[in-house]
Protein backbone atom coordinates (compact mmCIF):
# COMPACT_ATOMS: atom_id res chain seq x y z
CA MET A 1 0.00 0.00 0.00
CA GLN A 2 1.41 3.37 -1.03
CA ALA A 3 0.90 6.78 0.50
CA HIS A 4 -1.70 8.95 -1.25
CA ALA A 5 -1.46 12.71 -1.67
CA ASP A 6 -4.16 15.05 -3.00
CA ILE A 7 -4.67 18.79 -3.05
CA LEU A 8 -8.16 19.46 -1.68
CA PRO A 9 -10.69 21.37 -3.82
CA CYS A 10 -9.94 24.65 -2.02
CA GLY A 11 -6.42 24.48 -3.49
CA LYS A 12 -4.88 25.51 -0.18
CA ARG A 13 -4.79 22.24 1.75
CA LEU A 14 -3.02 18.95 1.24
CA HIS A 15 -4.47 15.56 2.17
CA LEU A 16 -1.98 12.80 2.93
CA GLN A 17 -3.14 9.26 3.72
CA HIS A 18 -1.27 6.02 4.30
CA GLY A 19 -2.91 3.11 6.11
CA PRO A 20 -4.38 4.47 9.36
CA ILE A 21 -2.56 7.82 9.12
CA ASP A 22 -4.66 10.63 7.68
CA LEU A 23 -3.30 14.19 7.59
CA ILE A 24 -4.76 17.54 6.54
CA ILE A 25 -2.06 20.15 6.00
CA GLY A 26 -2.29 23.90 5.47
CA ALA A 27 0.49 26.37 4.76
CA ASP A 28 0.82 30.11 4.10
CA GLY A 29 4.02 31.18 2.38
CA ASP A 30 5.87 28.94 -0.03
CA ARG A 31 2.95 26.51 -0.07
CA LYS A 32 4.04 24.47 -3.07
CA ALA A 33 7.50 23.77 -1.64
CA ALA A 34 6.05 23.02 1.79
CA PHE A 35 3.61 20.50 0.37
CA GLU A 36 6.35 18.77 -1.61
CA VAL A 37 8.53 18.48 1.49
CA ALA A 38 5.57 17.18 3.50
CA LYS A 39 4.78 14.50 0.90
CA ASP A 40 8.40 13.37 0.79
CA ARG A 41 8.71 13.09 4.57
CA PHE A 42 5.33 11.42 4.98
CA SER A 43 6.11 8.69 2.45
CA THR A 44 8.30 6.76 4.93
CA VAL A 45 6.50 7.44 8.22
CA LEU A 46 4.26 4.36 8.34
CA GLY A 47 7.09 2.01 7.41
CA GLU A 48 9.28 3.48 10.14
CA LEU A 49 6.60 2.89 12.76
CA VAL A 50 5.64 -0.61 11.62
CA SER A 51 9.27 -1.75 11.72
CA GLU A 52 9.38 -1.39 15.52
CA LEU A 53 5.70 -1.48 16.43
CA ALA A 54 6.09 -4.28 18.99
CA ASN A 55 8.51 -2.16 21.01
CA LEU A 56 6.31 0.93 20.77
CA LYS A 57 3.34 -0.95 22.24
CA LEU A 58 5.19 -1.90 25.44
CA PRO A 59 4.30 -0.06 28.66
CA ILE A 60 7.10 2.44 29.04
CA ASN A 61 9.60 2.25 31.88
CA ILE A 62 13.31 2.88 32.39
CA ASP A 63 14.15 -0.58 31.04
CA CYS A 64 12.37 -0.10 27.70
CA PRO A 65 14.81 -0.25 24.80
CA MET A 66 15.13 3.07 22.99
CA PRO A 67 13.46 3.07 19.56
CA PHE A 68 15.48 3.74 16.43
CA GLY A 69 13.22 5.72 14.10
CA HIS A 70 12.91 9.49 14.26
CA VAL A 71 9.12 9.47 14.78
CA ALA A 72 9.42 6.68 17.36
CA GLN A 73 12.04 8.65 19.27
CA ARG A 74 9.69 11.64 19.35
CA MET A 75 7.05 9.34 20.83
CA ASP A 76 9.47 8.10 23.47
CA GLN A 77 10.58 11.62 24.45
CA ALA A 78 6.99 12.81 24.72
CA VAL A 79 5.74 9.91 26.83
CA ARG A 80 8.55 9.51 29.38
CA PRO A 81 7.74 12.63 31.46
CA PHE A 82 4.17 11.39 31.93
CA ALA A 83 5.04 7.77 32.70
CA GLN A 84 6.09 8.11 36.35
CA ASP A 85 2.57 7.65 37.71
CA ALA A 86 0.48 6.14 34.89
CA PHE A 87 0.24 3.15 32.59
CA VAL A 88 1.17 4.47 29.17
CA THR A 89 2.81 3.21 26.00
CA ARG A 90 4.57 5.23 23.34
CA MET A 91 1.48 4.78 21.16
CA ALA A 92 -0.19 7.51 23.25
CA ALA A 93 1.98 9.99 21.35
CA VAL A 94 1.89 8.49 17.86
CA ALA A 95 -0.59 10.89 16.21
CA GLY A 96 1.00 14.00 17.67
CA SER A 97 4.52 12.78 16.87
CA VAL A 98 3.63 12.18 13.23
CA ALA A 99 2.15 15.69 13.02
CA ASP A 100 5.26 17.21 14.63
CA THR A 101 7.56 15.27 12.31
CA VAL A 102 5.84 16.32 9.10
CA LEU A 103 5.59 19.93 10.27
CA GLY A 104 9.30 19.88 11.17
CA ALA A 105 10.13 18.94 7.59
CA MET A 106 7.91 21.75 6.28
CA GLN A 107 9.70 24.31 8.46
CA THR A 108 12.74 24.03 6.20
CA VAL A 109 10.95 26.30 3.68
CA SER A 110 9.67 29.86 4.07
CA LEU A 111 6.31 29.89 5.86
CA SER A 112 4.28 32.47 7.77
CA ARG A 113 1.80 29.92 9.14
CA ALA A 114 1.36 26.18 8.79
CA TYR A 115 -0.41 23.31 10.46
CA VAL A 116 -0.49 19.53 10.28
CA ASN A 117 -3.75 18.03 11.55
CA ASN A 118 -3.59 14.31 12.27
CA GLY A 119 -7.15 13.41 13.22
CA GLY A 120 -7.49 16.33 15.61
CA ASP A 121 -3.91 16.32 16.91
CA ILE A 122 -2.41 19.47 15.47
CA ALA A 123 1.15 20.75 15.13
CA LEU A 124 1.49 24.49 14.46
CA HIS A 125 4.05 26.81 12.89
CA LEU A 126 3.73 30.57 13.36
CA ALA A 127 6.08 33.27 12.16
CA GLU A 128 6.34 36.53 14.08
CA GLY A 129 3.18 38.60 13.91
CA HIS A 130 0.93 35.70 12.98
CA SER A 131 -1.76 33.75 14.84
CA PHE A 132 -3.92 30.67 14.38
CA THR A 133 -7.56 30.16 15.39
CA LEU A 134 -9.40 26.86 15.44
CA ALA A 135 -12.77 25.59 16.60
CA MET A 136 -13.47 22.76 19.00
CA ALA A 137 -16.43 20.54 18.14
CA GLY A 138 -18.12 17.79 20.11
CA HIS A 139 -18.62 14.26 18.80
CA ASP A 140 -22.14 15.41 17.86
CA PHE A 141 -20.58 18.34 15.92
CA CYS A 142 -21.83 20.95 18.41
CA ASP A 143 -19.62 23.99 18.87
CA LEU A 144 -17.49 23.70 22.02
CA GLY A 145 -15.42 26.86 21.67
CA ARG A 146 -12.47 28.58 20.03
CA ILE A 147 -8.72 28.54 20.54
CA THR A 148 -6.47 31.35 19.28
CA ILE A 149 -2.70 30.88 19.43
CA ASP A 150 -0.41 33.88 18.85
CA TYR A 151 3.25 33.86 17.86
CA ASP A 152 4.31 34.87 21.38
CA ASP A 153 2.46 31.98 23.00
CA PRO A 154 4.54 28.90 23.91
CA ILE A 155 1.82 26.64 22.47
CA ARG A 156 2.53 24.81 19.22
CA GLY A 157 0.56 21.63 19.80
CA ILE A 158 -3.14 20.89 20.35
CA ALA A 159 -4.59 17.42 20.85
CA THR A 160 -7.97 15.94 21.68
CA SER A 161 -8.83 12.57 23.19
CA GLY A 162 -11.88 10.88 24.69
CA ARG A 163 -14.12 7.88 24.38
CA HIS A 164 -15.65 9.10 21.11
CA GLY A 165 -12.28 9.45 19.40
CA ARG A 166 -10.32 7.15 17.10
CA SER A 167 -8.53 5.41 19.98
CA PHE A 168 -9.81 3.45 22.95
CA SER A 169 -10.25 5.30 26.26
CA LEU A 170 -10.22 4.07 29.84
CA GLY A 171 -12.40 7.00 30.90
CA ILE A 172 -15.82 8.45 30.18
CA ALA A 173 -14.87 11.93 28.94
CA ASP A 174 -16.61 12.97 25.74
CA SER A 175 -13.45 14.87 24.88
CA VAL A 176 -10.37 16.48 26.39
CA THR A 177 -8.46 19.13 24.44
CA VAL A 178 -4.92 19.93 25.60
CA LEU A 179 -2.57 22.80 24.73
CA ALA A 180 1.18 22.15 24.91
CA THR A 181 4.52 23.11 23.37
CA ASN A 182 4.20 20.37 20.73
CA ALA A 183 1.56 18.01 19.42
CA ALA A 184 3.22 14.86 20.81
CA SER A 185 3.12 16.12 24.41
CA ALA A 186 -0.44 17.37 23.97
CA ASP A 187 -1.40 13.94 22.59
CA VAL A 188 -0.07 12.03 25.61
CA ALA A 189 -1.61 14.43 28.11
CA ALA A 190 -5.02 14.41 26.40
CA THR A 191 -5.03 10.60 26.47
CA LEU A 192 -4.14 10.35 30.16
CA ILE A 193 -6.47 13.13 31.31
CA ALA A 194 -9.35 11.57 29.36
CA ASN A 195 -8.53 8.21 30.97
CA SER A 196 -8.71 9.78 34.44
CA ILE A 197 -12.23 11.19 34.01
CA ASP A 198 -14.20 8.26 35.34
CA LEU A 199 -16.65 6.85 37.87
CA PRO A 200 -15.35 3.37 38.68
CA GLU A 201 -17.99 0.67 39.14
CA HIS A 202 -20.83 2.99 38.07
CA ALA A 203 -23.78 1.01 36.72
CA ALA A 204 -24.30 3.34 33.74
CA ILE A 205 -20.81 2.69 32.39
CA THR A 206 -20.10 -0.31 30.15
CA ARG A 207 -16.57 -1.63 29.74
CA LYS A 208 -14.86 -4.38 27.76
CA PRO A 209 -11.25 -5.55 27.60
CA ALA A 210 -9.48 -3.70 24.80
CA SER A 211 -8.24 -7.03 23.42
CA HIS A 212 -11.83 -8.18 22.84
CA LEU A 213 -12.32 -5.34 20.36
CA ASP A 214 -8.82 -5.25 18.90
CA ASP A 215 -6.39 -8.05 19.63
CA THR A 216 -3.51 -5.81 18.51
CA SER A 217 -4.30 -2.99 20.97
CA ASP A 218 -1.44 -1.77 23.15
CA LEU A 219 -3.95 -1.68 26.05
CA GLY A 220 -4.19 -5.48 26.20
CA ASP A 221 -6.93 -6.59 28.58
CA LEU A 222 -7.42 -3.22 30.26
CA PRO A 223 -11.15 -2.35 30.47
CA ILE A 224 -12.04 0.36 27.99
CA VAL A 225 -15.29 2.32 28.09
CA VAL A 226 -17.70 1.30 25.34
CA GLY A 227 -20.82 3.01 26.69
CA CYS A 228 -21.92 5.59 29.26
CA GLY A 229 -25.54 6.32 30.12
CA PRO A 230 -26.91 9.61 31.46
CA LEU A 231 -25.24 10.90 34.61
CA SER A 232 -26.44 13.36 37.22
CA VAL A 233 -24.87 16.81 37.39
CA ASN A 234 -23.03 15.91 40.59
CA GLU A 235 -21.71 12.70 39.03
CA LYS A 236 -20.43 14.58 36.01
CA ILE A 237 -18.76 17.22 38.17
CA ASN A 238 -17.19 14.48 40.30
CA ALA A 239 -15.82 12.63 37.28
CA LEU A 240 -14.43 15.84 35.77
CA SER A 241 -12.72 16.72 39.03
CA TYR A 242 -10.31 13.78 38.59
CA GLY A 243 -9.32 15.08 35.19
CA ARG A 244 -8.96 18.62 36.49
CA ALA A 245 -6.67 17.44 39.27
CA LEU A 246 -4.42 15.63 36.80
CA THR A 247 -4.45 18.64 34.47
CA ASP A 248 -3.33 20.89 37.31
CA ARG A 249 -0.44 18.52 38.13
CA TYR A 250 0.71 18.52 34.51
CA ILE A 251 0.58 22.33 34.41
CA GLN A 252 2.57 22.58 37.64
CA ARG A 253 5.22 20.33 36.10
CA ASP A 254 5.29 22.48 32.93
CA LEU A 255 4.22 19.53 30.78
CA ILE A 256 1.20 21.34 29.29
CA SER A 257 -0.25 24.86 29.18
CA GLY A 258 -3.89 24.00 29.79
CA ALA A 259 -6.86 21.83 28.91
CA ALA A 260 -10.61 21.82 28.32
CA LEU A 261 -12.58 18.84 29.66
CA PHE A 262 -16.07 17.88 28.44
CA LEU A 263 -18.60 15.34 29.73
CA GLN A 264 -22.31 15.25 28.86
CA GLY A 265 -22.78 19.03 28.72
CA GLN A 266 -20.51 19.82 31.66
CA SER A 267 -17.07 21.30 31.16
CA ASP A 268 -14.04 22.36 33.15
CA THR A 269 -11.10 24.32 31.82
CA THR A 270 -7.78 25.56 33.09
CA CYS A 271 -5.70 27.42 30.60
CA PRO A 272 -4.41 30.82 29.51
CA SER A 273 -6.57 33.23 27.54
CA GLN A 274 -6.40 31.23 24.29
CA LEU A 275 -9.49 29.17 24.94
CA THR A 276 -13.11 30.21 25.30
CA ILE A 277 -15.93 27.72 25.87
CA THR A 278 -19.23 28.28 24.11
CA GLN A 279 -22.45 27.73 26.04
CA ARG A 280 -24.67 25.37 24.04
CA THR A 281 -27.37 24.04 26.42
CA PRO A 282 -29.02 25.32 29.62
CA ASN A 283 -27.21 22.57 31.58
CA TYR A 284 -23.82 23.42 30.13
CA ALA A 285 -21.31 24.51 32.77
CA ARG A 286 -19.77 27.55 31.14
CA ARG A 287 -16.16 28.22 32.11
CA HIS A 288 -13.95 30.97 30.70
CA CYS A 289 -10.19 31.02 31.04
CA THR A 290 -8.62 34.10 32.55
């Protein structure tokens, strides 16, 4: 199977797809050169990852052998700071690391702004004087808010995780969006914060071993959430509080800049001024960053 590359009908975005990897890329500046560089770098990414996939799926610890590939090494570097108090494999950073890698190749040409969006995990490039605004949407496509990143901000990575995403989740969060210095770090943090938003043993929550749904999953027999019925307001606030506590610890350790947590119409955010949450229902807990 070969990588596919297509310019989207707008003429300003590039679509790259190879196996499970699906990127949307935008660039302002020398767009043509940036797209050519992105295609060239992307062409080998999947092969690099597959060649050492077994190692990348191992729970990370100090005894894990260091991976060889450039993308795999990004995954390792992103995950290790988070691994001291959580089960996590390098696969928690794969989407963000791919986005960072392709963007890094594009930064060799002249660009004012650029982004690589890997299924919602986004790596950003901003030249001085430029900014980037994106929308957050729920799994039901409702508007959840806006994020604006300026050149002076330390944020160059945005990632979203939750039980409605492409990957399995151990928690019940609808979504968790994280802001960090790069997409790989944001990816890991979003995964772990989403995992922590939970109500163990609650009757409304259905779980199955990850291996029963995908025998190749790096989560093995860990119980993933496959369903969550309606929760009371207090239950939702309680579940979100676990994610907020973990978010605060990550901020204190300078691993991330902030996050927005969503569960059945409730939200909690802790972040700089880049993120504003949009009220969408009477029961929505509206929180604005300050």
